[in-house]
């Protein structure tokens, strides 16, 4: 697995314990790729994907934002997934962008949030897709 840039120790420890092979790559921006990332629900067209998280300039003080999946996820019931139309070329593949953000009601908190909490947030985004729009 490639390690093209260093992550803070707490992020490396989280990723090592998380259970997915991971790597850091620089492709325009620094990215963390988690391979074999479980999609948390049988309602998606893939049980596991590669999840990509861009490490924003200024991280960990700057918030991480969104997630990108390869291959693209779709719901088995054919319902559209909101805010996933954009794509990102990364590492020779086309990733699907899930436009999900921290908000004033759910802000990024410096010193409390990190890559590990962001990954858990990604899991939540995957689950909430079916809570807000149950399978048909």
Foldseek 3Di string as FASTA:
>chain_A
DEEPDDDPPVVVVLLVPVPFDWYWDQDVFIKIWGFQCALQDPQKPDRGWIKIWGQDPPPPVDDTFWIWTPPDIDGPLRDGQPQFPDWDDDPNDITTTRGDGADPVGHRDRPPDHPNVVSVVSSVSSVVSCVVPPRD
